[in-house]
Protein backbone atom coordinates (compact mmCIF):
# COMPACT_ATOMS: atom_id res chain seq x y z
CA MET A 1 61.41 -125.24 84.38
CA TYR A 2 57.81 -125.01 85.89
CA ILE A 3 59.27 -123.31 88.82
CA LYS A 4 61.06 -120.61 86.74
CA LYS A 5 57.48 -120.36 84.85
CA ILE A 6 55.95 -119.57 88.41
CA LEU A 7 58.91 -117.26 89.55
CA TRP A 8 58.06 -115.30 86.20
CA ALA A 9 54.33 -115.35 86.77
CA ILE A 10 54.89 -113.93 90.38
CA ALA A 11 57.26 -111.15 89.12
CA LEU A 12 54.98 -110.03 86.70
CA ILE A 13 52.23 -109.81 89.07
CA GLY A 14 54.40 -108.04 91.24
CA LEU A 15 55.40 -105.61 88.60
CA VAL A 16 51.67 -105.01 87.77
CA ILE A 17 50.65 -104.24 91.51
CA PHE A 18 53.99 -101.82 91.84
CA GLY A 19 52.80 -100.38 88.68
CA VAL A 20 49.11 -99.67 89.74
CA ILE A 21 50.56 -98.65 93.03
CA ALA A 22 52.78 -96.39 91.63
CA TYR A 23 50.11 -95.17 89.47
CA TYR A 24 47.71 -94.34 91.97
CA ILE A 25 50.53 -93.00 94.39
CA TYR A 26 51.41 -90.47 91.14
CA GLY A 27 47.69 -89.56 90.72
CA ALA A 28 47.40 -88.88 94.48
CA MET A 29 50.56 -86.74 94.75
CA PHE A 30 50.96 -84.90 91.12
CA GLN A 31 48.03 -85.10 88.83
CA PRO A 32 46.22 -81.67 89.34
CA ASN A 33 43.35 -81.88 91.71
CA THR A 34 41.35 -78.55 91.65
CA LYS A 35 37.72 -77.92 90.22
CA PHE A 36 37.39 -73.99 90.65
CA THR A 37 37.77 -71.66 87.63
CA ASN A 38 39.53 -68.86 89.48
CA ASP A 39 43.45 -68.30 89.42
CA GLU A 40 43.31 -68.89 93.31
CA ALA A 41 41.52 -69.75 96.38
CA PHE A 42 42.01 -69.13 99.65
CA ILE A 43 41.14 -70.99 102.59
CA TYR A 44 40.96 -69.86 106.44
CA ILE A 45 41.98 -72.61 108.84
CA PRO A 46 40.65 -71.59 112.51
CA THR A 47 42.79 -71.70 115.68
CA ASP A 48 42.62 -75.53 117.26
CA ALA A 49 40.65 -76.66 113.78
CA ASP A 50 40.59 -80.48 112.94
CA TYR A 51 40.91 -82.09 109.99
CA LEU A 52 37.24 -82.38 109.36
CA GLU A 53 36.70 -78.78 109.33
CA VAL A 54 39.72 -78.31 106.83
CA ARG A 55 38.28 -80.75 105.00
CA ALA A 56 34.70 -78.89 104.85
CA GLN A 57 36.35 -76.04 102.83
CA LEU A 58 38.58 -77.80 100.50
CA GLU A 59 35.70 -80.31 99.26
CA PRO A 60 34.30 -77.76 97.12
CA LEU A 61 37.48 -76.88 95.63
CA LEU A 62 39.18 -80.40 94.97
CA GLN A 63 37.92 -82.92 92.16
CA ASP A 64 39.09 -86.14 94.35
CA MET A 65 38.45 -85.48 97.75
CA GLU A 66 39.50 -89.59 98.67
CA ALA A 67 42.91 -88.92 97.18
CA PHE A 68 43.77 -85.78 98.93
CA ASP A 69 42.77 -87.70 102.39
CA ALA A 70 44.90 -90.48 101.55
CA LEU A 71 47.86 -88.22 100.96
CA ALA A 72 47.26 -86.20 103.74
CA ASN A 73 46.92 -89.27 105.85
CA GLN A 74 50.26 -90.63 104.73
CA LYS A 75 51.99 -87.18 105.12
CA LYS A 76 50.44 -86.98 108.58
CA TYR A 77 48.70 -83.90 108.00
CA THR A 78 45.51 -85.07 109.25
CA SER A 79 46.87 -84.78 112.95
CA ASN A 80 49.31 -81.81 112.45
CA ILE A 81 46.93 -78.65 111.23
CA LYS A 82 48.34 -75.32 111.13
CA ALA A 83 45.93 -72.18 111.62
CA GLY A 84 45.92 -69.21 108.96
CA ARG A 85 45.24 -68.04 105.91
CA PHE A 86 46.22 -70.21 102.86
CA VAL A 87 46.07 -70.10 98.78
CA ILE A 88 45.41 -73.01 96.70
CA SER A 89 46.40 -71.94 92.99
CA LYS A 90 44.08 -73.46 90.02
CA GLY A 91 45.74 -76.72 88.79
CA MET A 92 47.79 -77.60 91.80
CA ASN A 93 48.35 -81.33 92.97
CA ASN A 94 47.50 -82.54 96.34
CA ASN A 95 50.90 -82.90 97.46
CA ASP A 96 51.46 -79.13 96.44
CA ILE A 97 48.18 -78.16 98.63
CA ILE A 98 49.34 -79.91 101.50
CA ASN A 99 52.72 -78.34 101.36
CA SER A 100 50.73 -74.87 101.15
CA ILE A 101 48.19 -75.44 103.89
CA ARG A 102 50.83 -76.88 105.99
CA SER A 103 53.45 -73.93 105.92
CA LYS A 104 53.02 -71.15 103.88
CA ASN A 105 50.48 -68.96 106.12
CA LEU A 106 49.60 -65.77 104.18
CA PRO A 107 49.51 -62.17 105.89
CA VAL A 108 46.35 -60.22 105.37
CA LYS A 109 46.07 -56.44 104.99
CA VAL A 110 44.45 -54.89 107.89
CA SER A 111 43.27 -51.55 107.75
CA PHE A 112 41.23 -49.03 110.02
CA ASN A 113 40.61 -45.44 110.56
CA ASN A 114 38.83 -42.70 112.38
CA GLN A 115 36.84 -45.45 114.45
CA HIS A 116 35.01 -43.31 117.36
CA SER A 117 35.52 -45.79 120.20
CA LEU A 118 37.49 -48.98 121.14
CA GLU A 119 34.23 -50.89 120.28
CA GLU A 120 34.15 -49.64 116.77
CA LEU A 121 37.71 -50.13 116.06
CA ALA A 122 37.10 -53.91 117.91
CA GLY A 123 34.23 -54.23 115.27
CA ARG A 124 36.09 -53.76 112.33
CA ILE A 125 39.06 -55.42 112.95
CA SER A 126 37.39 -58.62 114.12
CA LYS A 127 36.03 -58.51 110.33
CA GLN A 128 39.41 -58.64 109.01
CA ILE A 129 41.23 -61.57 111.56
CA GLU A 130 40.17 -64.24 113.52
CA ALA A 131 40.06 -62.48 116.79
CA ASP A 132 36.24 -61.66 117.95
CA SER A 133 35.10 -58.49 119.02
CA LEU A 134 34.63 -59.51 122.77
CA SER A 135 38.57 -60.85 122.77
CA LEU A 136 39.83 -57.71 121.45
CA ILE A 137 37.70 -55.44 123.90
CA LYS A 138 38.74 -57.25 126.61
CA ALA A 139 42.26 -57.36 125.47
CA MET A 140 42.22 -53.34 124.57
CA ARG A 141 40.73 -52.38 127.98
CA ASP A 142 42.99 -55.11 130.20
CA GLU A 143 43.74 -52.90 133.17
CA THR A 144 47.02 -54.07 133.70
CA PHE A 145 47.96 -53.48 130.44
CA MET A 146 46.90 -50.08 129.97
CA LYS A 147 48.25 -49.32 133.41
CA ASP A 148 51.93 -50.49 132.27
CA ASN A 149 52.04 -48.61 129.41
CA GLY A 150 50.82 -45.19 130.44
CA PHE A 151 47.18 -45.36 129.29
CA THR A 152 43.70 -44.92 130.61
CA ASN A 153 39.98 -45.88 129.57
CA ALA A 154 40.20 -42.28 128.05
CA THR A 155 43.21 -42.52 126.40
CA ALA A 156 43.53 -46.04 125.17
CA LEU A 157 42.02 -45.03 121.47
CA GLY A 158 45.28 -43.10 120.94
CA MET A 159 47.28 -46.26 120.85
CA TYR A 160 45.80 -47.45 117.75
CA LEU A 161 47.22 -45.37 114.87
CA PRO A 162 45.04 -45.71 111.64
CA ASN A 163 46.90 -47.10 108.84
CA SER A 164 47.23 -50.16 106.89
CA TYR A 165 49.16 -53.27 108.69
CA GLN A 166 50.51 -56.55 107.72
CA PHE A 167 49.07 -59.36 110.22
CA PHE A 168 48.55 -63.16 109.95
CA TRP A 169 44.84 -63.81 109.95
CA ASN A 170 45.02 -66.20 112.87
CA THR A 171 46.38 -63.29 114.83
CA SER A 172 45.05 -63.32 118.54
CA ALA A 173 43.40 -60.31 120.40
CA GLU A 174 46.76 -60.35 122.36
CA GLY A 175 48.83 -60.12 119.39
CA PHE A 176 47.18 -57.42 117.81
CA ARG A 177 47.09 -55.18 120.93
CA LYS A 178 50.98 -55.98 120.97
CA LYS A 179 51.75 -55.23 117.24
CA MET A 180 49.65 -52.05 117.65
CA LEU A 181 51.82 -50.93 120.73
CA LYS A 182 54.89 -51.44 118.87
CA GLU A 183 53.84 -49.37 115.90
CA TYR A 184 52.77 -46.32 118.33
CA ASN A 185 56.01 -46.81 120.21
CA ARG A 186 57.39 -46.64 116.92
CA PHE A 187 55.49 -43.67 115.71
CA TRP A 188 56.65 -41.47 119.01
CA SER A 189 60.04 -41.24 118.14
CA ASP A 190 62.34 -38.94 119.76
CA GLY A 191 61.79 -36.09 117.37
CA ARG A 192 57.96 -36.11 117.76
CA LYS A 193 58.48 -36.67 121.40
CA THR A 194 60.83 -33.39 121.58
CA LYS A 195 57.69 -31.66 119.57
CA ALA A 196 55.32 -32.51 122.08
CA LYS A 197 57.49 -31.56 125.03
CA ALA A 198 57.81 -28.08 123.53
CA LEU A 199 54.42 -27.63 123.16
CA ASN A 200 53.93 -28.61 127.12
CA LEU A 201 52.21 -31.77 126.13
CA THR A 202 52.25 -35.10 126.22
CA PRO A 203 51.75 -37.73 123.47
CA SER A 204 48.67 -38.52 124.82
CA GLU A 205 47.61 -34.96 125.29
CA VAL A 206 48.77 -34.29 121.83
CA MET A 207 46.55 -37.17 120.46
CA THR A 208 43.82 -35.53 122.31
CA VAL A 209 43.97 -32.29 120.69
CA ALA A 210 44.21 -33.93 117.27
CA SER A 211 41.19 -35.77 117.57
CA ILE A 212 39.52 -32.32 118.05
CA VAL A 213 41.03 -31.14 115.44
CA TYR A 214 40.29 -34.03 113.18
CA GLU A 215 36.56 -33.60 114.02
CA GLU A 216 36.64 -30.15 113.37
CA SER A 217 38.39 -30.11 109.84
CA LYS A 218 39.25 -33.16 107.59
CA GLN A 219 40.88 -30.86 105.42
CA LYS A 220 44.59 -31.50 105.85
CA GLU A 221 45.96 -28.13 104.39
CA GLU A 222 43.71 -26.34 106.76
CA GLN A 223 44.82 -28.75 110.32
CA PRO A 224 48.11 -27.00 111.09
CA ARG A 225 45.71 -23.46 111.35
CA VAL A 226 42.87 -25.17 113.72
CA ALA A 227 45.54 -26.80 115.87
CA GLY A 228 47.34 -23.72 115.97
CA VAL A 229 43.79 -22.10 117.49
CA TYR A 230 43.53 -24.81 120.01
CA LEU A 231 47.29 -24.34 121.38
CA ASN A 232 46.95 -20.53 121.23
CA ARG A 233 43.90 -21.00 123.32
CA LEU A 234 45.95 -23.54 125.84
CA ARG A 235 48.70 -21.11 126.08
CA ILE A 236 46.93 -18.43 127.84
CA GLY A 237 44.39 -20.40 129.74
CA MET A 238 41.14 -19.95 127.37
CA LYS A 239 38.51 -22.60 127.29
CA LEU A 240 38.53 -24.62 123.89
CA ASP A 241 35.06 -23.87 123.33
CA ALA A 242 35.38 -27.10 121.11
CA ASP A 243 31.89 -27.77 119.45
CA PRO A 244 33.02 -31.69 118.56
CA THR A 245 33.64 -32.14 122.30
CA ILE A 246 30.24 -31.04 123.17
CA LYS A 247 28.72 -33.63 120.71
CA TYR A 248 30.91 -36.06 121.90
CA ALA A 249 29.59 -35.38 125.76
CA ALA A 250 26.02 -35.41 124.48
CA TYR A 251 26.41 -38.65 122.37
CA GLN A 252 27.19 -40.38 125.89
CA LEU A 253 23.90 -39.45 126.98
CA PRO A 254 21.03 -41.79 126.28
CA LYS A 255 18.77 -38.77 124.96
CA TYR A 256 20.77 -38.36 122.28
CA LYS A 257 21.71 -42.00 121.19
CA ASN A 258 21.15 -42.62 117.67
CA THR A 259 20.93 -38.88 116.80
CA VAL A 260 22.86 -36.75 114.75
CA ILE A 261 23.79 -33.21 116.25
CA ARG A 262 24.23 -30.90 113.55
CA ARG A 263 24.14 -27.81 115.12
CA VAL A 264 25.39 -27.05 118.55
CA LEU A 265 22.73 -25.36 120.74
CA ASN A 266 22.89 -23.36 124.20
CA VAL A 267 21.47 -26.54 125.50
CA HIS A 268 24.00 -28.63 124.62
CA LYS A 269 26.64 -26.20 126.06
CA GLU A 270 25.01 -26.87 129.69
CA ILE A 271 25.51 -30.59 129.45
CA ASP A 272 27.50 -31.59 132.29
CA SER A 273 30.66 -33.56 131.36
CA PRO A 274 34.22 -33.25 131.75
CA TYR A 275 34.20 -33.16 128.00
CA ASN A 276 32.27 -29.86 127.59
CA THR A 277 35.11 -27.73 126.78
CA TYR A 278 32.81 -24.61 126.87
CA LYS A 279 32.29 -25.02 131.05
CA ASN A 280 35.67 -26.29 131.45
CA VAL A 281 39.31 -24.71 131.01
CA GLY A 282 42.01 -27.42 129.28
CA LEU A 283 41.77 -30.61 127.51
CA PRO A 284 39.28 -33.05 128.14
CA PRO A 285 40.35 -36.76 129.72
CA GLY A 286 40.80 -38.04 126.38
CA LEU A 287 40.32 -38.41 122.54
CA ILE A 288 36.91 -37.95 121.42
CA ALA A 289 37.57 -39.96 117.92
CA MET A 290 40.49 -41.35 116.50
CA PRO A 291 42.39 -38.85 114.71
CA ASP A 292 44.10 -39.25 111.10
CA LEU A 293 47.78 -39.30 110.83
CA SER A 294 47.74 -35.83 109.65
CA ALA A 295 45.81 -34.26 112.62
CA ILE A 296 48.68 -35.59 115.14
CA ASP A 297 51.29 -33.75 112.92
CA ALA A 298 49.21 -31.04 112.33
CA VAL A 299 49.33 -30.55 116.27
CA LEU A 300 53.14 -31.40 116.38
CA ASN A 301 53.54 -28.80 113.51
CA PRO A 302 50.92 -25.85 114.07
CA GLU A 303 50.77 -22.72 112.09
CA LYS A 304 52.15 -19.81 113.93
CA HIS A 305 49.50 -17.10 113.94
CA SER A 306 47.30 -15.33 116.54
CA TYR A 307 44.14 -16.55 115.89
CA LEU A 308 42.03 -17.51 118.62
CA TYR A 309 38.69 -18.02 116.92
CA PHE A 310 37.29 -19.82 113.75
CA VAL A 311 33.90 -20.71 112.56
CA ALA A 312 32.53 -22.96 109.49
CA ASP A 313 32.45 -20.83 106.29
CA ALA A 314 29.41 -20.93 104.84
CA LYS A 315 30.84 -19.87 101.35
CA ARG A 316 33.45 -22.80 101.27
CA LEU A 317 32.00 -25.86 103.30
CA GLY A 318 34.45 -28.07 104.75
CA TYR A 319 36.83 -24.63 105.46
CA HIS A 320 36.76 -22.38 108.45
CA LYS A 321 36.83 -18.38 108.75
CA PHE A 322 39.66 -17.23 111.29
CA ALA A 323 39.56 -14.49 113.49
CA LYS A 324 42.08 -12.86 116.03
CA THR A 325 39.36 -10.88 117.77
CA LEU A 326 35.96 -11.88 119.15
CA ALA A 327 33.90 -8.91 117.26
CA GLN A 328 35.46 -10.27 114.03
CA HIS A 329 34.65 -13.86 115.21
CA ASN A 330 30.90 -12.68 116.39
CA ARG A 331 30.33 -11.36 112.54
CA ASN A 332 31.68 -14.81 110.94
CA ALA A 333 29.89 -16.63 113.81
CA ARG A 334 26.33 -14.88 112.76
CA ALA A 335 27.01 -15.36 109.12
CA TYR A 336 27.12 -19.04 109.64
CA GLN A 337 24.29 -19.14 111.82
CA ARG A 338 22.28 -17.72 108.95
CA TYR A 339 23.46 -20.22 106.54
CA LEU A 340 22.00 -22.96 108.93
CA SER A 341 18.95 -21.10 109.42
CA SER A 342 18.37 -20.79 105.56
CA GLN A 343 19.05 -24.63 105.36
CA GLY A 344 16.44 -25.59 107.79
CA ILE A 345 19.05 -26.85 110.29
CA ASN A 346 17.95 -26.21 113.65
CA ARG A 347 19.18 -28.82 115.63
């Protein structure tokens, strides 16, 4: 009888202990453990991060960090950290949080447009994914990569088509470059290549013309007409005389750093540069800026006309007046020069 009482007591103590453990495990796994008020919170776990780095991001978001630590250790998450961008929803329990940050890496939308150099592009991208600007520049300017894919330092910017793309936040510089090359090759379909060939241009040359067109006009409906002018000039061997190329050439010189050229003057036209299309016949070595997709398609689908000249329209700013003869163009140009002078724009 005495032994039975002892056994019953041991059994009861065991049940109590089991209940306490079960309650603790239930609390650690299934009780809500968030303390933020928004519907969601995001954490960004860097490549090669350790548990302490993850914990530092989680601590402001969770009520009971010790319970999370215990479960993370039990589920071996502490030694199996995954990089990426992860979401924690309001009211999540520890088990769901661990499952989320271990296996549910969420993509981010990466957007860029109208960057004037690879350096500018790298700076913009580095604010949206883990890769820093230095690693991005190194990848973008890798000589072997450029040579293998038909690019030079002057044309490499053309590989990066302005748009919005899905990336994982922890994408490396090489991973970003790889996807951009894939998007570039997809953009240059057989149809677009055929159109470029009909213009006696390579895809890189189309991008160069498009960069000039875009810097001349941001008006999508006007871009095919501007493109037609430049293509007409190229076809007859006439110099492009493109003001945006003059500005680009000037901005490469220390004298013009951190300045804005609002009026192209004769002194600018004397700059010795392969980008000076007032001095050199044909296209410059490469892009002067990142063209919008509309400008690229404007070059591939130019307006058919006989215009050889255009100048900004003082009465319709943002647009241009087009001319077939030099005499007509000079009249239009004088009108615009008078407008600039009236506005006090002398340089």
